[in-house]
Structure formats: C-alpha cells, structure tokens
Protein backbone atom coordinates (compact mmCIF):
# COMPACT_ATOMS: atom_id res chain seq x y z
CA UNK A 1 4.55 13.33 -8.45
CA UNK A 2 6.80 16.40 -8.56
CA UNK A 3 6.23 20.01 -9.53
CA UNK A 4 6.78 20.71 -13.19
CA UNK A 5 6.93 24.05 -14.94
CA UNK A 6 6.55 25.00 -18.56
CA UNK A 7 9.27 27.05 -20.22
CA UNK A 8 7.10 30.13 -19.68
CA UNK A 9 6.26 29.41 -16.05
CA UNK A 10 9.75 28.66 -14.72
CA UNK A 11 11.21 32.17 -15.22
CA UNK A 12 8.12 33.64 -13.52
CA UNK A 13 8.56 31.26 -10.56
CA UNK A 14 12.24 32.15 -10.26
CA UNK A 15 11.45 35.84 -10.44
CA UNK A 16 8.82 35.45 -7.71
CA UNK A 17 11.32 33.59 -5.54
CA UNK A 18 13.95 36.32 -6.02
CA UNK A 19 11.39 38.94 -5.05
CA UNK A 20 10.38 36.93 -1.98
CA UNK A 21 14.06 36.54 -0.95
CA UNK A 22 14.33 40.31 -0.65
CA UNK A 23 11.59 40.45 2.01
CA UNK A 24 12.58 40.55 5.71
CA UNK A 25 10.54 37.44 6.64
CA UNK A 26 12.15 35.26 3.94
CA UNK A 27 14.02 32.95 6.33
CA UNK A 28 10.88 32.21 8.36
CA UNK A 29 8.89 31.70 5.15
CA UNK A 30 11.50 29.28 3.79
CA UNK A 31 11.62 27.34 7.08
CA UNK A 32 7.83 26.86 7.00
CA UNK A 33 8.17 25.12 3.63
CA UNK A 34 11.38 23.24 4.45
CA UNK A 35 9.88 21.64 7.57
CA UNK A 36 7.42 19.80 5.28
CA UNK A 37 10.38 17.88 3.91
CA UNK A 38 9.41 18.39 0.28
CA UNK A 39 5.74 17.32 0.50
CA UNK A 40 4.32 17.84 -2.99
CA UNK A 41 0.76 18.90 -2.08
CA UNK A 42 0.50 20.30 1.46
CA UNK A 43 -2.78 21.08 3.21
CA UNK A 44 -3.55 24.65 4.27
CA UNK A 45 -5.13 25.23 7.68
CA UNK A 46 -6.56 28.41 9.18
CA UNK A 47 -7.13 28.78 12.91
CA UNK A 48 -5.46 29.01 16.29
CA UNK A 49 -3.91 26.65 18.81
CA UNK A 50 -2.46 26.81 22.30
CA UNK A 51 -0.25 24.83 24.64
CA UNK A 52 -2.02 24.74 28.01
CA UNK A 53 -0.86 23.64 31.45
CA UNK A 54 -2.82 20.45 32.18
CA UNK A 55 -3.17 21.26 35.89
CA UNK A 56 -3.79 24.99 36.04
CA UNK A 57 -5.28 25.72 32.64
CA UNK A 58 -2.73 28.47 32.06
CA UNK A 59 -1.99 29.20 28.41
CA UNK A 60 1.75 28.67 28.07
CA UNK A 61 2.11 29.28 24.36
CA UNK A 62 -0.39 30.48 21.76
CA UNK A 63 -0.01 30.32 18.01
CA UNK A 64 -2.11 30.55 14.88
CA UNK A 65 -2.15 30.69 11.13
CA UNK A 66 -1.56 34.44 11.35
CA UNK A 67 1.94 33.59 12.56
CA UNK A 68 2.55 31.57 9.40
CA UNK A 69 1.70 34.03 6.68
CA UNK A 70 -2.06 33.61 7.13
CA UNK A 71 -2.11 29.83 6.58
CA UNK A 72 -0.47 26.94 8.36
CA UNK A 73 0.91 24.34 5.94
CA UNK A 74 0.96 20.70 6.97
CA UNK A 75 2.11 17.64 5.03
CA UNK A 76 -0.53 15.83 2.96
CA UNK A 77 0.25 12.41 4.48
CA UNK A 78 -0.52 10.51 1.26
CA UNK A 79 0.90 6.98 1.29
CA UNK A 80 1.47 6.64 -2.47
CA UNK A 81 4.88 7.36 -3.94
CA UNK A 82 3.27 8.43 -7.23
CA UNK A 83 1.36 11.17 -5.39
CA UNK A 84 3.87 12.37 -2.77
CA UNK A 85 7.30 10.71 -2.50
CA UNK A 86 8.07 12.50 0.77
CA UNK A 87 4.96 11.44 2.71
CA UNK A 88 5.15 7.98 1.15
CA UNK A 89 8.67 7.67 2.55
CA UNK A 90 7.33 8.30 6.04
CA UNK A 91 4.47 5.85 5.52
CA UNK A 92 6.88 3.22 4.24
CA UNK A 93 9.13 3.69 7.27
CA UNK A 94 6.17 3.33 9.63
CA UNK A 95 4.99 0.20 7.83
CA UNK A 96 8.48 -1.26 8.09
CA UNK A 97 8.55 -0.65 11.84
CA UNK A 98 5.09 -2.21 12.22
CA UNK A 99 6.11 -5.30 10.27
CA UNK A 100 9.48 -5.62 11.96
CA UNK A 101 7.94 -5.37 15.43
CA UNK A 102 5.77 -8.36 14.63
CA UNK A 103 8.85 -10.37 13.65
CA UNK A 104 11.58 -9.47 16.15
CA UNK A 105 9.75 -7.45 18.81
CA UNK A 106 9.81 -3.81 19.82
CA UNK A 107 7.13 -1.08 19.81
CA UNK A 108 5.36 -2.81 22.68
CA UNK A 109 5.88 -6.36 21.36
CA UNK A 110 8.13 -8.72 23.33
CA UNK A 111 11.34 -10.07 21.79
CA UNK A 112 10.11 -13.65 22.32
CA UNK A 113 7.96 -13.26 19.19
CA UNK A 114 11.18 -13.84 17.24
CA UNK A 115 10.91 -17.54 18.10
CA UNK A 116 7.33 -18.02 16.96
CA UNK A 117 6.51 -19.94 13.74
CA UNK A 118 6.17 -17.49 10.84
CA UNK A 119 6.29 -17.62 7.07
CA UNK A 120 6.39 -15.17 4.19
CA UNK A 121 3.65 -16.09 1.70
CA UNK A 122 2.73 -14.75 -1.74
CA UNK A 123 -0.75 -15.49 -3.07
CA UNK A 124 -1.34 -14.73 -6.74
CA UNK A 125 -4.29 -14.21 -9.06
CA UNK A 126 -5.30 -16.98 -11.46
CA UNK A 127 -4.90 -16.66 -15.22
CA UNK A 128 -7.65 -15.12 -17.32
CA UNK A 129 -5.85 -15.56 -20.60
CA UNK A 130 -2.21 -15.69 -21.77
CA UNK A 131 -0.30 -12.41 -21.52
CA UNK A 132 3.14 -11.32 -22.63
CA UNK A 133 5.66 -12.01 -19.90
CA UNK A 134 9.38 -11.96 -19.25
CA UNK A 135 10.87 -15.37 -18.45
CA UNK A 136 14.34 -15.89 -17.08
CA UNK A 137 16.15 -19.17 -16.49
CA UNK A 138 19.78 -19.85 -15.73
CA UNK A 139 20.57 -16.14 -15.97
CA UNK A 140 19.19 -15.94 -19.52
CA UNK A 141 16.00 -14.37 -20.86
CA UNK A 142 13.80 -16.98 -22.52
CA UNK A 143 11.12 -16.71 -25.18
CA UNK A 144 7.85 -15.27 -23.90
CA UNK A 145 5.46 -18.11 -24.81
CA UNK A 146 7.04 -20.66 -27.16
CA UNK A 147 4.43 -22.56 -29.15
CA UNK A 148 4.38 -24.51 -32.39
CA UNK A 149 4.24 -22.25 -35.43
CA UNK A 150 0.78 -21.89 -36.92
CA UNK A 151 -1.21 -22.46 -33.71
CA UNK A 152 -3.85 -19.76 -33.42
CA UNK A 153 -6.79 -18.85 -31.20
CA UNK A 154 -10.40 -18.78 -32.54
CA UNK A 155 -9.85 -15.13 -33.49
CA UNK A 156 -6.81 -15.90 -35.65
CA UNK A 157 -4.18 -14.59 -33.22
CA UNK A 158 -1.00 -16.60 -32.75
CA UNK A 159 -1.03 -18.56 -29.48
CA UNK A 160 2.71 -18.23 -29.02
CA UNK A 161 5.26 -15.43 -28.68
CA UNK A 162 8.95 -16.09 -29.26
CA UNK A 163 10.12 -12.59 -28.28
CA UNK A 164 12.62 -12.25 -25.45
CA UNK A 165 11.05 -9.21 -23.84
CA UNK A 166 13.15 -6.48 -22.26
CA UNK A 167 12.16 -5.33 -18.77
CA UNK A 168 10.69 -2.09 -20.16
CA UNK A 169 8.82 -3.68 -23.06
CA UNK A 170 5.34 -2.03 -23.13
CA UNK A 171 3.81 -5.33 -24.28
CA UNK A 172 4.47 -6.97 -20.91
CA UNK A 173 1.16 -7.76 -19.21
CA UNK A 174 -0.84 -7.30 -22.42
CA UNK A 175 -2.98 -10.28 -23.55
CA UNK A 176 -1.86 -12.16 -26.62
CA UNK A 177 -5.47 -11.95 -27.79
CA UNK A 178 -7.65 -9.32 -26.08
CA UNK A 179 -10.81 -10.93 -27.48
CA UNK A 180 -9.98 -14.22 -25.75
CA UNK A 181 -9.02 -12.61 -22.45
CA UNK A 182 -11.69 -12.95 -19.74
CA UNK A 183 -11.98 -9.32 -18.67
CA UNK A 184 -15.22 -9.85 -16.78
CA UNK A 185 -13.64 -12.67 -14.78
CA UNK A 186 -10.53 -10.59 -14.07
CA UNK A 187 -12.53 -7.62 -12.81
CA UNK A 188 -14.79 -9.78 -10.64
CA UNK A 189 -11.77 -11.55 -9.16
CA UNK A 190 -10.17 -8.21 -8.43
CA UNK A 191 -13.31 -6.79 -6.82
CA UNK A 192 -13.69 -9.81 -4.52
CA UNK A 193 -9.99 -10.40 -3.78
CA UNK A 194 -10.42 -9.05 -0.26
CA UNK A 195 -13.17 -11.59 0.40
CA UNK A 196 -10.92 -14.32 -0.97
CA UNK A 197 -8.22 -13.35 1.52
CA UNK A 198 -10.78 -13.48 4.35
CA UNK A 199 -11.88 -16.94 3.21
CA UNK A 200 -8.23 -17.98 3.12
CA UNK A 201 -7.64 -16.97 6.75
CA UNK A 202 -10.72 -18.95 7.82
CA UNK A 203 -9.62 -21.96 5.79
CA UNK A 204 -6.10 -21.73 7.21
CA UNK A 205 -7.42 -21.86 10.78
CA UNK A 206 -9.53 -24.90 9.89
CA UNK A 207 -6.56 -26.63 8.27
CA UNK A 208 -4.27 -25.95 11.22
CA UNK A 209 -6.89 -27.22 13.64
CA UNK A 210 -7.39 -30.35 11.56
CA UNK A 211 -3.67 -31.09 11.48
CA UNK A 212 -3.46 -30.60 15.25
CA UNK A 213 -6.42 -32.90 15.84
CA UNK A 214 -8.46 -30.08 17.40
CA UNK A 215 -11.85 -28.57 16.79
CA UNK A 216 -11.89 -24.94 15.67
CA UNK A 217 -13.03 -23.88 19.13
CA UNK A 218 -10.24 -25.85 20.79
CA UNK A 219 -7.71 -24.42 18.34
CA UNK A 220 -8.76 -20.84 19.15
CA UNK A 221 -8.23 -21.54 22.84
CA UNK A 222 -4.53 -22.34 22.41
CA UNK A 223 -3.35 -20.63 19.18
CA UNK A 224 -3.84 -17.21 17.63
CA UNK A 225 -3.20 -16.68 13.91
CA UNK A 226 -1.75 -13.24 13.12
CA UNK A 227 -0.75 -11.66 9.82
CA UNK A 228 0.23 -8.47 8.03
CA UNK A 229 -0.16 -8.17 4.26
CA UNK A 230 0.08 -5.79 1.32
CA UNK A 231 -1.42 -5.93 -2.15
CA UNK A 232 0.86 -5.48 -5.19
CA UNK A 233 -0.34 -4.81 -8.71
CA UNK A 234 1.17 -6.95 -11.42
CA UNK A 235 1.68 -5.69 -14.95
CA UNK A 236 -1.42 -7.55 -16.09
CA UNK A 237 -3.44 -5.31 -13.75
CA UNK A 238 -4.27 -7.88 -11.07
CA UNK A 239 -3.10 -7.80 -7.48
CA UNK A 240 -1.35 -10.48 -5.53
CA UNK A 241 -0.82 -10.53 -1.78
CA UNK A 242 2.46 -10.59 0.12
CA UNK A 243 1.96 -11.57 3.75
CA UNK A 244 3.73 -12.40 6.97
CA UNK A 245 1.73 -15.13 8.71
CA UNK A 246 2.57 -16.01 12.32
CA UNK A 247 1.36 -18.41 15.02
CA UNK A 248 1.16 -17.19 18.62
CA UNK A 249 -0.22 -18.50 21.86
CA UNK A 250 -3.80 -17.68 22.73
CA UNK A 251 -3.03 -14.20 24.10
CA UNK A 252 -1.04 -12.95 21.13
CA UNK A 253 2.62 -12.20 20.36
CA UNK A 254 3.74 -12.33 24.01
CA UNK A 255 2.35 -15.87 24.46
CA UNK A 256 4.29 -18.94 23.34
CA UNK A 257 2.38 -21.26 20.98
CA UNK A 258 2.17 -25.01 21.76
CA UNK A 259 5.05 -27.23 20.70
CA UNK A 260 3.14 -28.83 17.82
CA UNK A 261 2.75 -25.41 16.15
CA UNK A 262 5.88 -25.41 14.00
CA UNK A 263 7.01 -23.37 11.01
CA UNK A 264 6.90 -26.47 8.80
CA UNK A 265 3.31 -27.18 9.87
CA UNK A 266 2.30 -23.58 9.17
CA UNK A 267 3.97 -23.50 5.76
CA UNK A 268 2.33 -26.73 4.64
CA UNK A 269 -1.07 -25.63 5.97
CA UNK A 270 -0.82 -22.34 4.06
CA UNK A 271 -0.21 -24.18 0.77
CA UNK A 272 -3.16 -26.49 1.41
CA UNK A 273 -5.54 -23.74 2.53
CA UNK A 274 -4.87 -21.60 -0.55
CA UNK A 275 -5.99 -24.45 -2.78
CA UNK A 276 -9.23 -24.94 -0.82
CA UNK A 277 -10.52 -21.38 -1.08
CA UNK A 278 -13.54 -20.97 -3.35
CA UNK A 279 -15.93 -18.04 -3.75
CA UNK A 280 -18.86 -17.78 -6.22
CA UNK A 281 -18.66 -14.58 -8.23
CA UNK A 282 -21.62 -12.22 -8.34
CA UNK A 283 -23.70 -11.78 -11.49
CA UNK A 284 -23.73 -15.33 -12.82
CA UNK A 285 -27.01 -14.54 -14.61
CA UNK A 286 -25.25 -11.80 -16.60
CA UNK A 287 -21.72 -13.03 -17.35
CA UNK A 288 -22.01 -16.72 -16.58
CA UNK A 289 -21.10 -18.74 -13.51
CA UNK A 290 -17.61 -18.21 -12.17
CA UNK A 291 -15.95 -19.66 -9.09
CA UNK A 292 -13.15 -17.42 -7.84
CA UNK A 293 -9.94 -18.81 -6.39
CA UNK A 294 -6.27 -17.95 -6.00
CA UNK A 295 -3.72 -18.77 -8.66
CA UNK A 296 -1.74 -21.99 -8.72
CA UNK A 297 1.53 -20.13 -8.07
CA UNK A 298 1.89 -19.97 -4.28
CA UNK A 299 5.21 -19.10 -2.68
CA UNK A 300 5.66 -19.91 1.03
CA UNK A 301 9.04 -19.44 2.74
CA UNK A 302 10.10 -19.71 6.39
CA UNK A 303 11.35 -16.48 7.94
CA UNK A 304 14.68 -16.73 9.77
CA UNK A 305 15.83 -14.74 12.76
CA UNK A 306 17.82 -11.54 12.37
CA UNK A 307 21.34 -12.08 11.07
CA UNK A 308 20.68 -15.55 9.72
CA UNK A 309 23.15 -15.43 6.85
CA UNK A 310 21.70 -16.03 3.42
CA UNK A 311 18.28 -17.11 4.68
CA UNK A 312 15.18 -14.92 4.38
CA UNK A 313 15.56 -12.65 7.40
CA UNK A 314 12.95 -10.69 9.34
CA UNK A 315 14.46 -7.37 8.26
CA UNK A 316 14.48 -8.36 4.59
CA UNK A 317 10.83 -9.42 4.71
CA UNK A 318 9.75 -6.25 6.52
CA UNK A 319 11.58 -4.04 3.99
CA UNK A 320 10.20 -5.99 1.01
CA UNK A 321 6.57 -5.76 2.13
CA UNK A 322 6.84 -2.12 3.24
CA UNK A 323 8.07 -1.21 -0.25
CA UNK A 324 4.75 -2.26 -1.77
CA UNK A 325 2.67 -0.44 0.85
CA UNK A 326 3.34 2.85 -0.96
CA UNK A 327 2.50 1.67 -4.47
CA UNK A 328 -0.88 1.68 -6.18
CA UNK A 329 -2.55 0.85 -9.45
CA UNK A 330 -0.17 3.15 -11.31
CA UNK A 331 2.22 0.17 -11.34
CA UNK A 332 -0.23 -1.43 -13.78
CA UNK A 333 -0.60 1.75 -15.83
CA UNK A 334 -3.86 2.94 -14.24
CA UNK A 335 -4.78 6.51 -13.35
CA UNK A 336 -4.40 8.31 -10.02
CA UNK A 337 -7.91 9.66 -9.48
CA UNK A 338 -11.47 8.43 -9.51
CA UNK A 339 -13.33 8.39 -12.85
CA UNK A 340 -16.64 10.26 -12.61
CA UNK A 341 -18.11 10.02 -16.13
CA UNK A 342 -18.14 7.32 -18.77
CA UNK A 343 -17.14 9.89 -21.39
CA UNK A 344 -13.81 10.31 -19.58
CA UNK A 345 -12.75 6.82 -20.66
CA UNK A 346 -12.14 8.09 -24.18
CA UNK A 347 -9.34 10.39 -23.04
CA UNK A 348 -7.62 8.34 -20.34
CA UNK A 349 -3.82 8.19 -20.86
CA UNK A 350 -3.58 4.42 -20.36
CA UNK A 351 -2.57 1.41 -22.44
CA UNK A 352 -5.18 -0.72 -24.20
CA UNK A 353 -5.29 -3.54 -21.64
CA UNK A 354 -5.75 -1.15 -18.73
CA UNK A 355 -8.47 0.70 -20.63
CA UNK A 356 -10.32 -2.55 -21.22
CA UNK A 357 -10.12 -3.36 -17.50
CA UNK A 358 -11.49 0.08 -16.65
CA UNK A 359 -14.16 -0.19 -19.33
CA UNK A 360 -15.28 -3.58 -18.00
CA UNK A 361 -15.55 -2.08 -14.50
CA UNK A 362 -17.71 0.70 -15.90
CA UNK A 363 -19.91 -1.68 -17.88
CA UNK A 364 -20.49 -4.16 -15.07
CA UNK A 365 -20.79 -1.38 -12.52
CA UNK A 366 -23.88 -0.08 -14.29
CA UNK A 367 -25.72 -3.41 -13.96
CA UNK A 368 -27.88 -4.20 -10.94
CA UNK A 369 -26.34 -7.58 -9.98
CA UNK A 370 -22.96 -5.93 -9.47
CA UNK A 371 -24.10 -2.93 -7.41
CA UNK A 372 -22.62 -4.34 -4.15
CA UNK A 373 -19.15 -4.26 -5.73
CA UNK A 374 -19.32 -0.52 -6.57
CA UNK A 375 -17.22 -1.16 -9.64
CA UNK A 376 -17.55 2.32 -11.11
CA UNK A 377 -16.32 3.81 -7.85
CA UNK A 378 -13.22 1.61 -8.11
CA UNK A 379 -12.73 1.60 -11.88
CA UNK A 380 -9.52 3.64 -11.57
CA UNK A 381 -8.18 0.83 -9.34
CA UNK A 382 -9.15 -1.75 -11.98
CA UNK A 383 -11.87 -3.04 -9.67
CA UNK A 384 -9.76 -3.65 -6.56
CA UNK A 385 -11.52 -2.08 -3.58
CA UNK A 386 -9.55 -3.39 -0.62
CA UNK A 387 -6.92 -1.71 1.52
CA UNK A 388 -3.37 -1.95 0.24
CA UNK A 389 -1.95 -2.84 3.63
CA UNK A 390 -3.81 -4.61 6.42
CA UNK A 391 -2.99 -6.59 9.53
CA UNK A 392 -4.76 -8.70 12.09
CA UNK A 393 -5.54 -6.99 15.39
CA UNK A 394 -2.78 -8.56 17.47
CA UNK A 395 0.00 -8.74 14.89
CA UNK A 396 1.99 -5.86 16.41
CA UNK A 397 1.64 -2.12 16.98
CA UNK A 398 -0.50 0.16 14.79
CA UNK A 399 0.26 3.00 12.41
CA UNK A 400 -1.80 5.25 14.68
CA UNK A 401 0.41 4.40 17.65
CA UNK A 402 3.56 5.11 15.64
CA UNK A 403 2.21 8.49 14.50
CA UNK A 404 1.16 9.34 18.04
CA UNK A 405 4.66 8.53 19.30
CA UNK A 406 6.12 10.84 16.65
CA UNK A 407 3.69 13.62 17.64
CA UNK A 408 4.59 13.21 21.31
CA UNK A 409 8.29 13.40 20.47
CA UNK A 410 7.73 16.67 18.63
CA UNK A 411 5.66 17.98 21.54
CA UNK A 412 8.55 17.21 23.90
CA UNK A 413 10.91 19.10 21.62
CA UNK A 414 8.50 22.04 21.61
CA UNK A 415 8.29 22.05 25.44
CA UNK A 416 12.07 21.97 25.62
CA UNK A 417 12.34 24.89 23.19
CA UNK A 418 9.85 26.89 25.26
CA UNK A 419 11.69 26.03 28.49
CA UNK A 420 8.70 24.24 30.03
CA UNK A 421 10.71 21.30 31.39
CA UNK A 422 8.56 18.45 32.67
CA UNK A 423 5.32 20.43 33.00
CA UNK A 424 2.28 18.43 31.92
CA UNK A 425 0.63 20.10 28.94
CA UNK A 426 -2.19 19.59 26.47
CA UNK A 427 -2.65 21.10 23.05
CA UNK A 428 -6.00 22.66 22.13
CA UNK A 429 -7.08 24.51 19.01
CA UNK A 430 -9.57 25.16 16.26
CA UNK A 431 -8.51 24.64 12.66
CA UNK A 432 -10.32 24.49 9.35
CA UNK A 433 -9.31 23.39 5.88
CA UNK A 434 -8.41 26.28 3.58
CA UNK A 435 -6.97 24.66 0.47
CA UNK A 436 -3.84 22.84 -0.59
CA UNK A 437 -0.79 23.10 -2.79
CA UNK A 438 2.02 25.60 -3.36
CA UNK A 439 2.50 28.90 -5.06
CA UNK A 440 5.13 28.73 -7.86
CA UNK A 441 7.90 30.13 -5.65
CA UNK A 442 6.96 27.79 -2.79
CA UNK A 443 7.06 24.86 -5.21
CA UNK A 444 10.64 25.73 -6.14
CA UNK A 445 11.73 25.68 -2.50
CA UNK A 446 9.88 22.40 -1.87
CA UNK A 447 11.53 20.83 -4.91
CA UNK A 448 14.99 21.88 -3.69
CA UNK A 449 14.26 20.37 -0.25
CA UNK A 450 13.07 17.15 -1.84
CA UNK A 451 16.11 16.90 -4.10
CA UNK A 452 18.30 17.48 -1.06
CA UNK A 453 16.70 14.56 0.81
CA UNK A 454 14.74 16.62 3.34
CA UNK A 455 12.39 14.92 5.79
CA UNK A 456 9.39 15.98 7.84
CA UNK A 457 10.37 18.11 10.75
CA UNK A 458 13.48 19.49 9.03
C-alpha cells in the first residue's frame, strides 16, 4: 500500500511541503519522518520518556512528544507487504534470520544443527472442484484441462478447457463450474487447516517412532521434532503450508539425534504421515459429512548444507519461506480488512470466486454448528484463521528476541551519542496512542524515502 493523491490533492500536498520547507525546524521534521524508513501508516504516540542510570536513578536524558512536534511517530510494524512494504521488509528479514538460524546455527543456536536431518515440505489443500490452471511441461505451456469435446457437468458446463493460460489470466483459480464447486467443503477445510497441521505433527511423531521400533514415550526421550512453517494462499483461495522439519536430540538443536534418525527416514515418514491425517469437519448435520485431509500433492525435499552447489540449500529455503511470511489473502484476491456487515458483500471489489468463498463463510458463520470456527470474523481471510508463520518452541530463536536485540543495539547507539559510555541504563516512560497516518506533506516525504530504499533507523 502506498500513498496516492488525486489530481486535485497533489498540488495542495506539494504546496504544503514547500511551505513547511521554509520553516526553521524543517530538517528536524524531515528526519523524524525519514527515520521511519517509508512506513506507510505510522502510529502517533503522546507522552514522555527518560533514560535513567540503573544504579543511582539519575535521569540522564529526558524526551517527549513535545520534542517531536507534539507527537512521536513510530513505525506501524505490520507484516504484510500489501499494507506496509517497509515494515514487511523488516519482518521478512527477521523471519529469514529465524529460519536460517534453525538450519545453519547462529542467534543462540549452535552450528552443529547444520548436520541434523531436515527437509523442506509443502503440504497442499485437496481439490474441491476443477479450476482453471496454468500447466507447463518441457518449457512449454500446455492446455489447462484437456478433455474430450462435448463432455459436460450436470449443469451443462464443459468439463475441459483447452486454453493455454497466461500467467496474468484472471481466470486462473476460478472453477470451471461454480455450481459444482464444493464451497462449503473448501471453507471448512480452510477454517480447520491449522488443526490439520497439528494432527500432522502428531502423526509424524507416531510414524517416526514406529519406524524406529519405539513407543511414543521412548521416542520423545531421544528425539525432538522441530519445525517452522508459513501458509501461502493459492489462486484458488486455499492455503498450503511450506515447512522446514528437523530432527534433533532430546534437548533440542544443540543435541545430536541418534544415528537411526536420518534425512531419508524423515522424508519418507513425512510423506506417509500426510496421507494418514484425517479430521471430521464440523456441521455434518447441515452440509453433510466431510472428512478433511491434505491434498495428494506433497513435495518433500532434503535440505543441503550451505554452499552445496545446485542442491536445495539452507539459505535458499530460508529466503523462500520468509518471502511468504509477508503475504496474505490478497494473493487470492481477498480484501485487507475485516467484514462487519453482510450488506458489505455486495460492494466488495473481488472476483466472483473469492466473493463466493466470502459469502459461504458468512452463510455458515451464521449457523450454530459452525460458531466455534468464527467464520464471519475470518471471512476476509476466506475462512483461514491460523497464523501465517509459526514454529515449534525449540526450532531456533524468536522474533521477539530479534526485535529486542535490535532495540538494544539502538539503545547502545543512543548512549554513545549522549556520551554515556558503558553506564548501565534503563528506559522508562508513559505513552498513549494518539492516532496514525501522515499529513499530505508528510506522505510525500515518506514516499520519497520509500522510493529511495530507506530503512528503519535511517
């Protein structure tokens, strides 16, 4: 999301910026905006803070919103590229470091983790009806869904499609016949996808234990299963999961797993466990009995060490997964914000398939059997209500730890600027929310910083 101006607004914004440039505090004003790195929707805070000597209680440096034009602006911190490209860039970098640490070490994780069995797995959603897709083979684009001429569904729609779709074809992801497509099943799968993943991790532990000839209790005493995953929306509006799955010794990444725990064993167990996962969908008395499962397309690849030539390297996997951590349902054509009223569905700027997904969420969400799924709350996400990026407890470091390290680094820079040397300090303050966003002239400066590749702390 970037600032946009109408033809009438832009001259006014430029005029306001020219007027502001003539004021004596212009440089300080511009620096306050530039340090946000181009954040599109900053948060305004009002209050005061102080840097205090941890031993004596002496106030070494005091500051407040009055020193920043009445309001202190701070970056919004939103993870989604569609909302704030600048803050999403920081989130993506942090996610990359988290993932990489769990593959090659660093950030408190020992380098020996690089030798542990680990795979990169992609778990997909099942089919709920044929959709338009782009097929490539041998470097050539193939027909979407070749079928014998004249074959039609019960509603009279052709069962095949011989179009070679371009990558930007708006029909991609759309059902061949919307009346045949199982929208209720798709929404229920989406809403319970997080539970399916949990069932998968339990099933994977059971399968690994079985292959090792151990009970589940015995398995837990010698091996720890760790993972980090993200959810990616496909064009048909359903998520699939990309995950790093790793085997450690009992105490986590710094412990060596037993010799029988190999990458080949893990990869094969993942494929088997995916096929065993089953979960009854809610509301069978309303929409019929459905048993939820993952799709038949399961991709499991070993992860090689850093610098392993053409093989799938740790760095490549970390970068690939981190990329999806900043994307949301907008990739499937959904809307950014929550939908509060059913009447709003009539004016949503979405394609037909997405609207039907949202409408099904709204319909089912109003029925008692589906109340636990809170489908209306998550209609704008097409029913998916899980986190976009998650990890097991002992996979590696945390996003909180990475942010804290960044804050401590900035605090050290501040102490150096104030000439405080190695004095032990704490920061105290009282702040309250006072709004968000930019004035037109501020938005112009932020846009110029963003176009110039600015970053937080600039």
